[in-house]
Amino acid sequence: MTRRWIGAGLALLLGAAVAAALVLGNREGSGLTVVRGVIGSEKKPFFDDPQVKAAFAKHGLQVEVDTAGSREIAGSVDLSAYAFAFPSSAPAAEKIKKDRGANVTFSPFHSPMSVATFQPIVDTLTKAGVVTGETFDIRKYLDLVAKGTRWDALPGSSYQARKRVLLTTTDIRTSNSAAMYLAMTSYVANGDDVVTSADRSAQVAEAVAPLFLDQGYSESTTEAPFEDYLAMGMGKTPMVMIYEAQYAAHLFAADGAIRPEMRLLYPSPTVLSKHTLVPFDEPATRVGRLLTEDPEFAALAARYGFRTANPQVFAGLAKNTPLTTNLVNVVEPPTYDHLEQLISLIEERYLKP
């Protein structure tokens, strides 16, 4: 009998130890609650910043992140391993919210899609009517692409390259920035309207597919073509579709990466990449609320080029830079399902012989 009670007691102690391990497994020795999330790669430098880590620690949190493409986060990543998902687009976040039955989302950051280029390209496209000041006219650009125009064929071209006039983007099959580019070009190709039906998706995909297919090989993340732009110059990448935050972060850091001949243009229309956090538990909800409401996090995010709920934070840093704080022609992307349909239709064309 005594042995039986001892055995039962040991079993209870073992069960308690396992339960404690599960609870303490989410806490560091310092007493911080560990909150794990999966995020778009462009936010990794922000979360790795020691000041950001210290700011979370003041609130008893240690945030650890893995990275994946926003489309992957919404479609193929096993989210059961994480307390939150933080894709770079609102459509992806809405799908995650629906699939996971989440009650709330937070959109602490956003960044307009932009074109990083060089002064000779600006001069050439200004003569062609595509660029006016800091504005890149998507409709006039699409007209050039539809004609198969080459750089050296443009009147008075300052860029004598026998290449087609094409924006460099990431791979539409994997990357959110390419999907945002698709959102703005599909809007124009659809008669200045968001694509909302399967019939229109097929027609619009046919019109915009060459923007992606005619580039040849495309990188899977936005960092890669932007790094080519910074390092290799105009010969390799005359103009590239990026998040404004990528360019702004280097300007604000004054690290010398943005050279005098480099320029940033704003597409018209453009779309906002809305970085939207979907929490799955209470600590992750605290993370989302802090990022959205705490002025310290807003100031830190702005240093990385992100626009926040308080426009004055970004405006203060952007003063005396070529960045604009007054975006006018901003359109919404299609819903997740319609955007995915457009991407799938273009993907089919990649596979055609």
Protein backbone atom coordinates (compact mmCIF):
# COMPACT_ATOMS: atom_id res chain seq x y z
CA MET A 1 0.00 0.00 0.00
CA THR A 2 2.82 2.37 0.94
CA ARG A 3 4.55 1.73 -2.38
CA ARG A 4 1.28 2.41 -4.19
CA TRP A 5 0.92 5.79 -2.46
CA ILE A 6 4.55 6.60 -3.17
CA GLY A 7 4.04 5.73 -6.84
CA ALA A 8 0.92 7.87 -7.03
CA GLY A 9 2.74 10.73 -5.35
CA LEU A 10 5.62 10.51 -7.79
CA ALA A 11 3.20 10.52 -10.71
CA LEU A 12 1.54 13.66 -9.36
CA LEU A 13 4.90 15.34 -8.89
CA LEU A 14 5.95 14.37 -12.41
CA GLY A 15 2.71 15.74 -13.84
CA ALA A 16 3.17 18.98 -11.96
CA ALA A 17 6.74 19.25 -13.23
CA VAL A 18 5.62 18.77 -16.83
CA ALA A 19 2.90 21.39 -16.43
CA ALA A 20 5.37 23.80 -14.91
CA ALA A 21 7.80 23.17 -17.75
CA LEU A 22 5.12 23.97 -20.30
CA VAL A 23 4.31 27.22 -18.54
CA LEU A 24 7.91 28.21 -17.86
CA GLY A 25 8.87 27.26 -21.39
CA ASN A 26 7.21 30.48 -22.44
CA ARG A 27 9.27 32.49 -19.97
CA GLU A 28 12.94 33.32 -19.84
CA GLY A 29 14.99 33.07 -16.67
CA SER A 30 14.67 36.84 -16.36
CA GLY A 31 10.91 36.48 -15.97
CA LEU A 32 10.08 37.84 -19.43
CA THR A 33 7.18 36.26 -21.26
CA VAL A 34 8.39 34.92 -24.60
CA VAL A 35 6.07 35.72 -27.50
CA ARG A 36 6.92 34.04 -30.78
CA GLY A 37 5.72 35.31 -34.12
CA VAL A 38 6.24 34.90 -37.85
CA ILE A 39 6.78 38.12 -39.77
CA GLY A 40 7.57 39.49 -43.21
CA SER A 41 11.35 39.67 -43.64
CA GLU A 42 11.42 43.45 -44.11
CA LYS A 43 10.53 43.88 -40.41
CA LYS A 44 13.33 41.65 -39.10
CA PRO A 45 15.87 44.48 -38.58
CA PHE A 46 13.29 46.32 -36.48
CA PHE A 47 12.63 43.34 -34.21
CA ASP A 48 16.36 42.62 -33.95
CA ASP A 49 17.13 46.17 -32.79
CA PRO A 50 18.42 46.14 -29.17
CA GLN A 51 16.34 49.23 -28.40
CA VAL A 52 13.19 47.48 -29.59
CA LYS A 53 14.05 44.43 -27.49
CA ALA A 54 14.64 46.67 -24.47
CA ALA A 55 11.33 48.45 -25.03
CA PHE A 56 9.47 45.13 -25.03
CA ALA A 57 11.39 44.01 -21.95
CA LYS A 58 10.11 47.04 -20.03
CA HIS A 59 6.66 45.57 -20.55
CA GLY A 60 7.72 42.07 -19.49
CA LEU A 61 7.92 40.68 -23.02
CA GLN A 62 10.58 39.00 -25.10
CA VAL A 63 9.50 38.89 -28.73
CA GLU A 64 11.14 36.28 -30.95
CA VAL A 65 10.43 36.11 -34.67
CA ASP A 66 10.88 33.91 -37.70
CA THR A 67 10.50 35.27 -41.22
CA ALA A 68 8.49 34.15 -44.22
CA GLY A 69 6.83 35.72 -47.23
CA SER A 70 3.43 37.25 -46.54
CA ARG A 71 1.75 34.91 -49.00
CA GLU A 72 3.48 31.96 -47.32
CA ILE A 73 2.36 33.16 -43.89
CA ALA A 74 -1.22 33.27 -45.10
CA GLY A 75 -1.14 30.02 -47.01
CA SER A 76 1.48 27.47 -46.02
CA VAL A 77 3.22 28.31 -42.71
CA ASP A 78 2.13 26.22 -39.72
CA LEU A 79 0.84 29.02 -37.52
CA SER A 80 0.17 26.71 -34.57
CA ALA A 81 3.82 27.18 -33.60
CA TYR A 82 3.37 30.94 -33.16
CA ALA A 83 1.53 33.42 -30.97
CA PHE A 84 1.08 35.92 -33.78
CA ALA A 85 1.43 36.40 -37.52
CA PHE A 86 2.61 39.73 -38.92
CA PRO A 87 2.36 39.77 -42.74
CA SER A 88 3.02 42.85 -44.85
CA SER A 89 -0.41 43.13 -46.41
CA ALA A 90 -3.95 43.59 -45.16
CA PRO A 91 -5.45 40.94 -47.51
CA ALA A 92 -3.08 38.27 -46.13
CA ALA A 93 -3.88 39.32 -42.57
CA GLU A 94 -7.61 39.13 -43.21
CA LYS A 95 -7.26 35.57 -44.46
CA ILE A 96 -5.22 34.61 -41.40
CA LYS A 97 -7.75 36.25 -39.10
CA LYS A 98 -10.58 34.32 -40.73
CA ASP A 99 -8.74 30.99 -40.80
CA ARG A 100 -7.59 31.25 -37.19
CA GLY A 101 -10.78 32.76 -35.80
CA ALA A 102 -8.89 35.73 -34.38
CA ASN A 103 -10.93 38.51 -32.83
CA VAL A 104 -8.71 41.49 -33.52
CA THR A 105 -5.88 42.75 -35.73
CA PHE A 106 -3.42 45.62 -35.37
CA SER A 107 -1.94 47.71 -38.19
CA PRO A 108 0.90 49.63 -36.52
CA PHE A 109 2.98 50.30 -39.64
CA HIS A 110 2.43 51.00 -43.30
CA SER A 111 4.64 51.81 -46.25
CA PRO A 112 3.65 52.98 -49.73
CA MET A 113 5.03 51.11 -52.70
CA SER A 114 7.68 53.18 -54.46
CA VAL A 115 10.11 53.15 -57.37
CA ALA A 116 13.82 53.42 -56.60
CA THR A 117 15.70 54.72 -59.62
CA PHE A 118 18.41 57.13 -60.84
CA GLN A 119 18.45 60.69 -62.16
CA PRO A 120 19.18 59.73 -65.82
CA ILE A 121 16.14 57.42 -65.72
CA VAL A 122 14.02 60.20 -64.24
CA ASP A 123 15.19 62.57 -66.99
CA THR A 124 14.38 60.04 -69.71
CA LEU A 125 10.95 59.13 -68.34
CA THR A 126 10.11 62.78 -67.78
CA LYS A 127 10.62 63.40 -71.50
CA ALA A 128 8.44 60.36 -72.22
CA GLY A 129 5.65 61.73 -70.02
CA VAL A 130 5.81 58.91 -67.48
CA VAL A 131 7.38 60.95 -64.68
CA THR A 132 6.25 64.34 -63.43
CA GLY A 133 8.21 65.62 -60.46
CA GLU A 134 8.20 62.72 -57.98
CA THR A 135 5.20 60.97 -59.57
CA PHE A 136 5.47 57.83 -61.69
CA ASP A 137 2.36 57.52 -63.89
CA ILE A 138 1.36 53.85 -64.00
CA ARG A 139 -0.99 54.22 -66.96
CA LYS A 140 1.63 55.88 -69.16
CA TYR A 141 4.19 53.32 -68.04
CA LEU A 142 1.83 50.48 -69.02
CA ASP A 143 1.45 52.08 -72.45
CA LEU A 144 5.23 51.97 -72.95
CA VAL A 145 5.41 48.35 -71.83
CA ALA A 146 2.55 47.33 -74.13
CA LYS A 147 4.52 48.71 -77.09
CA GLY A 148 7.65 46.79 -76.11
CA THR A 149 9.57 50.07 -75.84
CA ARG A 150 13.32 49.86 -75.25
CA TRP A 151 15.34 52.40 -73.31
CA ASP A 152 17.55 53.41 -76.22
CA ALA A 153 14.48 54.02 -78.40
CA LEU A 154 13.03 56.70 -76.14
CA PRO A 155 13.54 60.23 -77.50
CA GLY A 156 16.53 61.92 -75.86
CA SER A 157 17.18 58.88 -73.68
CA SER A 158 19.89 59.36 -71.07
CA TYR A 159 20.10 55.58 -70.67
CA GLN A 160 21.36 54.00 -73.87
CA ALA A 161 20.66 50.38 -73.00
CA ARG A 162 19.10 47.96 -75.45
CA LYS A 163 16.71 46.66 -72.83
CA ARG A 164 12.96 46.85 -72.53
CA VAL A 165 11.49 49.49 -70.27
CA LEU A 166 10.46 47.36 -67.29
CA LEU A 167 10.36 47.83 -63.57
CA THR A 168 12.31 45.19 -61.68
CA THR A 169 10.13 43.39 -59.16
CA THR A 170 10.27 40.28 -57.07
CA ASP A 171 8.68 36.99 -58.09
CA ILE A 172 4.91 37.39 -58.23
CA ARG A 173 4.53 33.76 -57.17
CA THR A 174 6.21 34.25 -53.80
CA SER A 175 6.56 37.91 -52.86
CA ASN A 176 4.18 40.42 -51.31
CA SER A 177 5.86 43.46 -52.90
CA ALA A 178 5.21 41.98 -56.35
CA ALA A 179 1.62 41.31 -55.31
CA MET A 180 1.25 44.97 -54.30
CA TYR A 181 2.67 45.98 -57.71
CA LEU A 182 0.07 43.71 -59.26
CA ALA A 183 -2.61 45.42 -57.17
CA MET A 184 -1.82 48.87 -58.57
CA THR A 185 -1.27 47.78 -62.17
CA SER A 186 -4.41 45.62 -62.19
CA TYR A 187 -6.37 48.62 -60.90
CA VAL A 188 -5.26 50.70 -63.90
CA ALA A 189 -5.70 47.82 -66.37
CA ASN A 190 -9.23 47.34 -65.02
CA GLY A 191 -10.27 50.86 -65.97
CA ASP A 192 -9.25 52.47 -62.68
CA ASP A 193 -11.21 50.04 -60.56
CA VAL A 194 -10.39 47.24 -58.13
CA VAL A 195 -10.74 43.77 -59.65
CA THR A 196 -13.78 42.14 -58.05
CA SER A 197 -14.83 39.30 -60.35
CA ALA A 198 -13.43 36.16 -61.93
CA ASP A 199 -14.27 37.38 -65.43
CA ARG A 200 -12.34 40.59 -64.96
CA SER A 201 -9.47 38.72 -63.32
CA ALA A 202 -8.87 36.69 -66.47
CA GLN A 203 -8.85 39.73 -68.74
CA VAL A 204 -6.69 41.82 -66.44
CA ALA A 205 -4.20 39.00 -65.86
CA GLU A 206 -3.74 38.71 -69.61
CA ALA A 207 -2.94 42.43 -69.79
CA VAL A 208 -0.49 42.67 -66.88
CA ALA A 209 1.26 39.27 -67.09
CA PRO A 210 4.06 40.63 -69.36
CA LEU A 211 5.08 43.04 -66.59
CA PHE A 212 6.31 39.99 -64.70
CA LEU A 213 7.09 37.34 -67.30
CA ASP A 214 9.19 39.62 -69.51
CA GLN A 215 11.59 40.37 -66.66
CA GLY A 216 13.05 36.88 -66.77
CA TYR A 217 14.39 35.64 -63.45
CA SER A 218 13.04 37.45 -60.38
CA GLU A 219 14.19 37.26 -56.77
CA SER A 220 11.88 35.93 -54.07
CA THR A 221 12.41 38.71 -51.50
CA THR A 222 12.37 42.49 -51.84
CA GLU A 223 15.75 42.86 -50.18
CA ALA A 224 17.59 41.17 -53.08
CA PRO A 225 16.70 43.53 -55.97
CA PHE A 226 17.04 46.55 -53.69
CA GLU A 227 20.53 45.43 -52.69
CA ASP A 228 21.36 45.09 -56.40
CA TYR A 229 20.09 48.63 -56.91
CA LEU A 230 22.28 49.92 -54.10
CA ALA A 231 25.40 47.96 -55.00
CA MET A 232 25.38 47.50 -58.78
CA GLY A 233 23.76 50.70 -59.94
CA MET A 234 21.79 51.68 -63.00
CA GLY A 235 23.30 49.18 -65.43
CA LYS A 236 21.86 46.22 -63.55
CA THR A 237 18.73 47.75 -62.05
CA PRO A 238 17.57 51.02 -63.63
CA MET A 239 14.36 51.06 -61.60
CA VAL A 240 12.98 48.71 -58.97
CA MET A 241 9.68 48.40 -57.12
CA ILE A 242 10.31 48.61 -53.37
CA TYR A 243 8.71 49.51 -50.09
CA GLU A 244 9.35 53.18 -49.33
CA ALA A 245 10.59 52.06 -45.90
CA GLN A 246 13.61 50.36 -47.46
CA TYR A 247 14.84 53.60 -49.03
CA ALA A 248 13.78 55.77 -46.09
CA ALA A 249 15.62 53.64 -43.53
CA HIS A 250 18.94 54.32 -45.28
CA LEU A 251 18.16 58.02 -45.61
CA PHE A 252 17.33 58.32 -41.91
CA ALA A 253 20.43 56.34 -40.93
CA ALA A 254 22.59 58.60 -43.15
CA ASP A 255 24.73 55.55 -43.84
CA GLY A 256 25.82 56.61 -47.33
CA ALA A 257 23.90 53.86 -49.12
CA ILE A 258 21.67 56.41 -50.91
CA ARG A 259 24.00 58.22 -53.29
CA PRO A 260 23.37 61.66 -54.87
CA GLU A 261 22.23 60.27 -58.24
CA MET A 262 19.58 58.01 -56.68
CA ARG A 263 15.93 59.01 -56.72
CA LEU A 264 12.66 57.76 -55.23
CA LEU A 265 9.41 58.06 -57.17
CA TYR A 266 5.83 57.47 -56.05
CA PRO A 267 3.55 55.52 -58.40
CA SER A 268 0.18 56.99 -59.27
CA PRO A 269 -1.85 55.16 -58.24
CA THR A 270 0.04 53.48 -55.45
CA VAL A 271 -1.00 51.05 -52.74
CA LEU A 272 -0.03 50.88 -49.10
CA SER A 273 1.66 47.83 -47.72
CA LYS A 274 -0.20 47.63 -44.41
CA HIS A 275 1.81 45.59 -41.92
CA THR A 276 -0.96 43.91 -39.97
CA LEU A 277 -0.43 41.83 -36.83
CA VAL A 278 -2.86 39.00 -36.07
CA PRO A 279 -2.57 37.84 -32.43
CA PHE A 280 -3.58 34.37 -31.31
CA ASP A 281 -3.27 34.85 -27.54
CA GLU A 282 -3.20 37.54 -24.86
CA PRO A 283 0.57 38.23 -24.79
CA ALA A 284 0.55 38.63 -28.58
CA THR A 285 -2.37 41.03 -28.26
CA ARG A 286 -0.19 43.07 -25.90
CA VAL A 287 2.54 43.10 -28.54
CA GLY A 288 0.11 44.38 -31.16
CA ARG A 289 -1.28 47.03 -28.84
CA LEU A 290 2.19 48.27 -27.84
CA LEU A 291 3.34 48.52 -31.45
CA THR A 292 0.19 50.46 -32.33
CA GLU A 293 -0.28 52.74 -29.33
CA ASP A 294 3.05 53.22 -27.56
CA PRO A 295 4.95 56.35 -28.75
CA GLU A 296 8.31 54.71 -28.07
CA PHE A 297 7.62 51.95 -30.59
CA ALA A 298 6.29 54.47 -33.12
CA ALA A 299 9.54 56.42 -32.90
CA LEU A 300 11.63 53.27 -33.27
CA ALA A 301 9.57 52.04 -36.24
CA ALA A 302 9.90 55.39 -38.01
CA ARG A 303 13.68 55.08 -37.85
CA TYR A 304 13.30 51.99 -40.01
CA GLY A 305 11.29 53.96 -42.55
CA PHE A 306 7.82 52.82 -41.49
CA ARG A 307 4.90 55.21 -41.31
CA THR A 308 2.86 54.83 -38.13
CA ALA A 309 -0.49 55.90 -36.72
CA ASN A 310 1.08 59.23 -35.76
CA PRO A 311 2.08 60.86 -39.07
CA GLN A 312 4.13 63.52 -37.32
CA VAL A 313 6.75 60.98 -36.27
CA PHE A 314 7.59 60.04 -39.86
CA ALA A 315 7.18 63.63 -41.06
CA GLY A 316 9.76 64.83 -38.57
CA LEU A 317 12.36 62.43 -39.92
CA ALA A 318 11.36 63.02 -43.56
CA LYS A 319 11.84 66.78 -43.32
CA ASN A 320 14.54 67.99 -45.73
CA THR A 321 14.55 64.65 -47.55
CA PRO A 322 13.02 63.78 -50.96
CA LEU A 323 10.33 61.70 -49.24
CA THR A 324 6.76 62.92 -49.55
CA THR A 325 4.39 63.00 -46.61
CA ASN A 326 1.33 63.80 -48.71
CA LEU A 327 0.20 60.74 -50.65
CA VAL A 328 -2.82 61.52 -52.81
CA ASN A 329 -3.64 58.75 -55.28
CA VAL A 330 -3.74 55.67 -53.03
CA VAL A 331 -5.97 52.73 -53.97
CA GLU A 332 -6.96 49.55 -52.18
CA PRO A 333 -5.71 46.14 -53.31
CA PRO A 334 -8.18 43.43 -54.32
CA THR A 335 -9.43 41.06 -51.66
CA TYR A 336 -7.16 38.15 -50.82
CA ASP A 337 -9.15 35.71 -52.96
CA HIS A 338 -9.22 37.94 -56.04
CA LEU A 339 -5.55 38.84 -55.68
CA GLU A 340 -4.66 35.16 -55.40
CA GLN A 341 -6.74 34.44 -58.48
CA LEU A 342 -4.81 37.06 -60.45
CA ILE A 343 -1.51 35.61 -59.25
CA SER A 344 -2.58 32.07 -60.13
CA LEU A 345 -3.55 33.14 -63.65
CA ILE A 346 -0.16 34.77 -64.15
CA GLU A 347 1.58 31.75 -62.63
CA GLU A 348 -0.05 29.53 -65.26
CA ARG A 349 1.68 31.61 -67.93
CA TYR A 350 5.08 30.93 -66.37
CA LEU A 351 4.50 27.25 -67.02
CA LYS A 352 3.44 27.58 -70.65
CA PRO A 353 6.10 26.49 -73.17
